[in-house]
C-alpha atoms as a PDB file:
ATOM      1  CA  MET A   1      59.496  84.983 -37.211  1.00  0.00           C
ATOM      2  CA  THR A   2      62.167  82.418 -37.935  1.00  0.00           C
ATOM      3  CA  LEU A   3      64.792  81.354 -35.403  1.00  0.00           C
ATOM      4  CA  ARG A   4      68.150  80.013 -36.617  1.00  0.00           C
ATOM      5  CA  ASP A   5      71.223  78.967 -34.636  1.00  0.00           C
ATOM      6  CA  SER A   6      74.712  80.436 -35.098  1.00  0.00           C
ATOM      7  CA  TYR A   7      75.350  78.038 -38.017  1.00  0.00           C
ATOM      8  CA  GLY A   8      72.230  79.292 -39.841  1.00  0.00           C
ATOM      9  CA  THR A   9      70.369  76.060 -39.165  1.00  0.00           C
ATOM     10  CA  PHE A  10      66.584  76.384 -38.840  1.00  0.00           C
ATOM     11  CA  VAL A  11      65.408  75.957 -35.239  1.00  0.00           C
ATOM     12  CA  ASP A  12      61.767  77.127 -35.137  1.00  0.00           C
ATOM     13  CA  THR A  13      59.175  79.469 -36.639  1.00  0.00           C
ATOM     14  CA  LYS A  14      56.296  81.411 -35.089  1.00  0.00           C
ATOM     15  CA  SER A  15      53.551  83.835 -36.152  1.00  0.00           C
ATOM     16  CA  GLN A  16      52.648  86.835 -33.990  1.00  0.00           C
ATOM     17  CA  PRO A  17      49.577  88.778 -35.200  1.00  0.00           C
ATOM     18  CA  LEU A  18      49.479  92.463 -34.202  1.00  0.00           C
ATOM     19  CA  GLY A  19      46.829  95.080 -34.905  1.00  0.00           C
ATOM     20  CA  VAL A  20      47.506  98.604 -36.161  1.00  0.00           C
ATOM     21  CA  ARG A  21      49.512 100.644 -33.586  1.00  0.00           C
ATOM     22  CA  GLN A  22      49.693  97.590 -31.317  1.00  0.00           C
ATOM     23  CA  GLN A  23      52.806  96.192 -29.697  1.00  0.00           C
ATOM     24  CA  THR A  24      54.070  93.193 -27.847  1.00  0.00           C
ATOM     25  CA  ALA A  25      56.995  92.896 -25.460  1.00  0.00           C
ATOM     26  CA  GLN A  26      58.366  89.381 -25.179  1.00  0.00           C
ATOM     27  CA  LEU A  27      61.667  87.641 -24.731  1.00  0.00           C
ATOM     28  CA  VAL A  28      62.776  85.368 -27.558  1.00  0.00           C
ATOM     29  CA  SER A  29      62.674  82.537 -25.018  1.00  0.00           C
ATOM     30  CA  GLN A  30      58.964  83.323 -24.487  1.00  0.00           C
ATOM     31  CA  LEU A  31      58.237  83.337 -28.222  1.00  0.00           C
ATOM     32  CA  PHE A  32      60.025  80.073 -28.990  1.00  0.00           C
ATOM     33  CA  LEU A  33      59.955  76.938 -26.858  1.00  0.00           C
ATOM     34  CA  THR A  34      63.652  76.216 -27.467  1.00  0.00           C
ATOM     35  CA  ARG A  35      65.963  76.168 -24.435  1.00  0.00           C
ATOM     36  CA  PHE A  36      68.091  79.330 -24.352  1.00  0.00           C
ATOM     37  CA  ASN A  37      71.111  78.622 -22.176  1.00  0.00           C
ATOM     38  CA  ASN A  38      73.696  80.911 -23.861  1.00  0.00           C
ATOM     39  CA  PHE A  39      71.948  80.481 -27.221  1.00  0.00           C
ATOM     40  CA  THR A  40      73.501  82.411 -30.124  1.00  0.00           C
ATOM     41  CA  GLY A  41      71.584  82.825 -33.336  1.00  0.00           C
ATOM     42  CA  THR A  42      69.283  85.053 -35.365  1.00  0.00           C
ATOM     43  CA  VAL A  43      65.602  85.902 -35.568  1.00  0.00           C
ATOM     44  CA  THR A  44      64.231  87.125 -38.888  1.00  0.00           C
ATOM     45  CA  PHE A  45      60.901  88.917 -39.252  1.00  0.00           C
ATOM     46  CA  GLU A  46      58.531  89.026 -42.212  1.00  0.00           C
ATOM     47  CA  SER A  47      55.344  91.081 -42.414  1.00  0.00           C
ATOM     48  CA  ASP A  48      52.865  92.213 -45.019  1.00  0.00           C
ATOM     49  CA  SER A  49      52.635  95.568 -43.175  1.00  0.00           C
ATOM     50  CA  PRO A  50      55.384  97.871 -41.848  1.00  0.00           C
ATOM     51  CA  VAL A  51      56.712  96.827 -38.437  1.00  0.00           C
ATOM     52  CA  ALA A  52      59.398  98.147 -36.134  1.00  0.00           C
ATOM     53  CA  VAL A  53      61.467  95.965 -33.813  1.00  0.00           C
ATOM     54  CA  VAL A  54      63.599  96.765 -30.788  1.00  0.00           C
ATOM     55  CA  GLY A  55      65.936  94.149 -29.418  1.00  0.00           C
ATOM     56  CA  LEU A  56      67.727  93.894 -26.100  1.00  0.00           C
ATOM     57  CA  ARG A  57      70.370  91.263 -25.407  1.00  0.00           C
ATOM     58  CA  PHE A  58      70.486  89.966 -21.829  1.00  0.00           C
ATOM     59  CA  ARG A  59      73.672  88.101 -20.863  1.00  0.00           C
ATOM     60  CA  ASP A  60      74.010  87.665 -17.120  1.00  0.00           C
ATOM     61  CA  ALA A  61      73.971  91.228 -15.684  1.00  0.00           C
ATOM     62  CA  THR A  62      74.752  92.851 -19.055  1.00  0.00           C
ATOM     63  CA  VAL A  63      72.008  94.441 -21.161  1.00  0.00           C
ATOM     64  CA  SER A  64      72.774  95.822 -24.618  1.00  0.00           C
ATOM     65  CA  THR A  65      70.890  96.781 -27.746  1.00  0.00           C
ATOM     66  CA  VAL A  66      70.735  94.547 -30.791  1.00  0.00           C
ATOM     67  CA  SER A  67      71.430  95.967 -34.238  1.00  0.00           C
ATOM     68  CA  PHE A  68      68.956  95.535 -37.076  1.00  0.00           C
ATOM     69  CA  ILE A  69      69.266  95.539 -40.835  1.00  0.00           C
ATOM     70  CA  ASN A  70      66.194  96.408 -42.895  1.00  0.00           C
ATOM     71  CA  LEU A  71      66.319  94.701 -46.299  1.00  0.00           C
ATOM     72  CA  SER A  72      62.896  95.853 -47.482  1.00  0.00           C
ATOM     73  CA  ALA A  73      61.849  98.999 -49.306  1.00  0.00           C
ATOM     74  CA  ALA A  74      61.047 102.050 -47.178  1.00  0.00           C
ATOM     75  CA  THR A  75      57.362 102.469 -46.362  1.00  0.00           C
ATOM     76  CA  ALA A  76      55.432 104.962 -44.252  1.00  0.00           C
ATOM     77  CA  VAL A  77      54.553 104.080 -40.673  1.00  0.00           C
ATOM     78  CA  PRO A  78      50.847 103.597 -39.898  1.00  0.00           C
ATOM     79  CA  PRO A  79      48.903 106.767 -39.027  1.00  0.00           C
ATOM     80  CA  LEU A  80      49.695 107.995 -35.531  1.00  0.00           C
ATOM     81  CA  PRO A  81      47.375 109.689 -33.017  1.00  0.00           C
ATOM     82  CA  ALA A  82      46.481 113.338 -33.773  1.00  0.00           C
ATOM     83  CA  GLY A  83      49.420 115.680 -33.134  1.00  0.00           C
ATOM     84  CA  ALA A  84      52.016 112.892 -33.103  1.00  0.00           C
ATOM     85  CA  GLY A  85      54.636 112.290 -35.746  1.00  0.00           C
ATOM     86  CA  GLY A  86      54.770 114.367 -38.905  1.00  0.00           C
ATOM     87  CA  PRO A  87      57.191 114.750 -41.816  1.00  0.00           C
ATOM     88  CA  GLY A  88      60.468 113.023 -41.033  1.00  0.00           C
ATOM     89  CA  ALA A  89      58.988 111.186 -38.029  1.00  0.00           C
ATOM     90  CA  PHE A  90      60.408 107.920 -36.799  1.00  0.00           C
ATOM     91  CA  LEU A  91      58.885 105.381 -34.463  1.00  0.00           C
ATOM     92  CA  LEU A  92      60.462 103.438 -31.596  1.00  0.00           C
ATOM     93  CA  PRO A  93      58.102 100.503 -31.069  1.00  0.00           C
ATOM     94  CA  GLN A  94      58.840  99.813 -27.421  1.00  0.00           C
ATOM     95  CA  VAL A  95      59.934 101.940 -24.502  1.00  0.00           C
ATOM     96  CA  ALA A  96      59.572 101.123 -20.818  1.00  0.00           C
ATOM     97  CA  PHE A  97      60.029 103.162 -17.662  1.00  0.00           C
ATOM     98  CA  GLY A  98      59.146 102.931 -13.976  1.00  0.00           C
ATOM     99  CA  GLY A  99      59.101  99.746 -11.952  1.00  0.00           C
ATOM    100  CA  GLY A 100      62.913  99.796 -11.822  1.00  0.00           C
ATOM    101  CA  TRP A 101      63.375 100.674 -15.524  1.00  0.00           C
ATOM    102  CA  PHE A 102      65.034 103.965 -16.452  1.00  0.00           C
ATOM    103  CA  LEU A 103      64.105 105.739 -19.689  1.00  0.00           C
ATOM    104  CA  GLU A 104      66.680 107.875 -21.451  1.00  0.00           C
ATOM    105  CA  ILE A 105      66.011 109.242 -24.933  1.00  0.00           C
ATOM    106  CA  VAL A 106      69.161 110.523 -26.625  1.00  0.00           C
ATOM    107  CA  VAL A 107      68.850 112.529 -29.851  1.00  0.00           C
ATOM    108  CA  VAL A 108      72.109 113.238 -31.671  1.00  0.00           C
ATOM    109  CA  ASN A 109      72.303 116.074 -34.213  1.00  0.00           C
ATOM    110  CA  SER A 110      75.202 115.429 -36.566  1.00  0.00           C
ATOM    111  CA  SER A 111      74.363 118.406 -38.790  1.00  0.00           C
ATOM    112  CA  SER A 112      75.877 121.895 -38.723  1.00  0.00           C
ATOM    113  CA  VAL A 113      72.549 123.586 -37.843  1.00  0.00           C
ATOM    114  CA  ALA A 114      70.359 123.331 -34.754  1.00  0.00           C
ATOM    115  CA  HIS A 115      67.162 121.266 -34.991  1.00  0.00           C
ATOM    116  CA  THR A 116      63.977 121.305 -32.964  1.00  0.00           C
ATOM    117  CA  VAL A 117      62.355 117.939 -32.298  1.00  0.00           C
ATOM    118  CA  GLN A 118      59.088 116.757 -30.810  1.00  0.00           C
ATOM    119  CA  VAL A 119      58.861 113.543 -28.778  1.00  0.00           C
ATOM    120  CA  ASP A 120      55.464 111.830 -28.371  1.00  0.00           C
ATOM    121  CA  LEU A 121      54.744 108.973 -25.939  1.00  0.00           C
ATOM    122  CA  SER A 122      51.733 106.733 -26.579  1.00  0.00           C
ATOM    123  CA  LYS A 123      50.211 103.737 -24.825  1.00  0.00           C
ATOM    124  CA  PRO A 124      49.929 100.442 -26.731  1.00  0.00           C
ATOM    125  CA  ASP A 125      46.379 101.419 -27.774  1.00  0.00           C
ATOM    126  CA  GLY A 126      47.637 104.716 -29.271  1.00  0.00           C
ATOM    127  CA  SER A 127      46.306 106.988 -26.517  1.00  0.00           C
ATOM    128  CA  PRO A 128      48.687 109.551 -24.907  1.00  0.00           C
ATOM    129  CA  LEU A 129      51.012 108.355 -22.132  1.00  0.00           C
ATOM    130  CA  GLN A 130      52.084 110.864 -19.469  1.00  0.00           C
ATOM    131  CA  ALA A 131      55.721 110.738 -18.380  1.00  0.00           C
ATOM    132  CA  ASN A 132      58.064 112.952 -16.407  1.00  0.00           C
ATOM    133  CA  LEU A 133      61.127 113.705 -18.542  1.00  0.00           C
ATOM    134  CA  ASN A 134      63.671 116.278 -17.380  1.00  0.00           C
ATOM    135  CA  GLY A 135      61.192 117.475 -14.735  1.00  0.00           C
ATOM    136  CA  LEU A 136      58.310 118.105 -17.174  1.00  0.00           C
ATOM    137  CA  THR A 137      55.220 115.873 -17.131  1.00  0.00           C
ATOM    138  CA  ALA A 138      53.533 115.474 -20.523  1.00  0.00           C
ATOM    139  CA  SER A 139      52.850 112.980 -23.299  1.00  0.00           C
ATOM    140  CA  ILE A 140      54.087 115.311 -26.069  1.00  0.00           C
ATOM    141  CA  PHE A 141      57.377 117.131 -25.554  1.00  0.00           C
ATOM    142  CA  THR A 142      57.475 119.922 -28.148  1.00  0.00           C
ATOM    143  CA  LYS A 143      60.201 122.339 -29.222  1.00  0.00           C
ATOM    144  CA  GLN A 144      63.107 120.317 -27.842  1.00  0.00           C
ATOM    145  CA  LEU A 145      66.222 122.044 -29.195  1.00  0.00           C
ATOM    146  CA  VAL A 146      69.172 119.927 -30.326  1.00  0.00           C
ATOM    147  CA  PRO A 147      72.181 122.208 -30.962  1.00  0.00           C
ATOM    148  CA  ALA A 148      74.292 121.870 -34.099  1.00  0.00           C
ATOM    149  CA  GLY A 149      76.638 118.921 -33.513  1.00  0.00           C
ATOM    150  CA  GLY A 150      74.999 118.483 -30.112  1.00  0.00           C
ATOM    151  CA  VAL A 151      72.954 116.028 -28.103  1.00  0.00           C
ATOM    152  CA  LEU A 152      69.550 116.223 -26.406  1.00  0.00           C
ATOM    153  CA  VAL A 153      68.971 113.875 -23.463  1.00  0.00           C
ATOM    154  CA  LEU A 154      65.467 113.354 -22.045  1.00  0.00           C
ATOM    155  CA  SER A 155      65.349 111.119 -18.968  1.00  0.00           C
ATOM    156  CA  ASN A 156      63.055 110.113 -16.138  1.00  0.00           C
ATOM    157  CA  ASP A 157      63.549 108.852 -12.620  1.00  0.00           C
ATOM    158  CA  LEU A 158      63.114 105.231 -11.513  1.00  0.00           C
ATOM    159  CA  LEU A 159      59.962 105.898  -9.491  1.00  0.00           C
ATOM    160  CA  GLY A 160      56.438 104.775 -10.269  1.00  0.00           C
ATOM    161  CA  LEU A 161      54.755 101.824 -11.882  1.00  0.00           C
ATOM    162  CA  LEU A 162      56.119 100.100 -14.989  1.00  0.00           C
ATOM    163  CA  ASN A 163      54.889 101.782 -18.176  1.00  0.00           C
ATOM    164  CA  GLN A 164      55.275 100.310 -21.641  1.00  0.00           C
ATOM    165  CA  SER A 165      54.637 102.432 -24.695  1.00  0.00           C
ATOM    166  CA  PHE A 166      55.840 103.441 -28.111  1.00  0.00           C
ATOM    167  CA  LEU A 167      57.546 106.678 -29.021  1.00  0.00           C
ATOM    168  CA  SER A 168      57.484 108.782 -32.144  1.00  0.00           C
ATOM    169  CA  SER A 169      59.704 111.712 -32.867  1.00  0.00           C
ATOM    170  CA  ALA A 170      59.706 114.316 -35.627  1.00  0.00           C
ATOM    171  CA  THR A 171      62.033 117.143 -36.542  1.00  0.00           C
END
């Protein structure tokens, strides 16, 4: 990982080894020793294996997602636990819920035909993670219908202990 300021000037670099189907959840200020009082800049990632990154921007009480641009060739994600993923699957490397965090998975279908999706939740070690989404407790949520031009929303409550996991979804 390479950190640069808003002028593109090199600030710092760091390596973060991760095993297959492993994850880490850290703030940029935890990864780099630089002071981050209203810091604006970029972090670039390089890897010899496929990786997925989720970014959240925290500014005072505001939390927003960070956009990513992938400049490398498309490659398959590592093998997932049995029953998870499949053709057309995508992987969200970090989700959190409980402990005051609210999980909401929104699937948008921009096509003119309905689609059925499956959502799988896994612990950092790849084993199934149970969650209560829309009143159903499971680790694999199968046959979730997304109407043509419609939206599917899966959400949990704020109760329980903090859970961190990754999510895969397939159509």
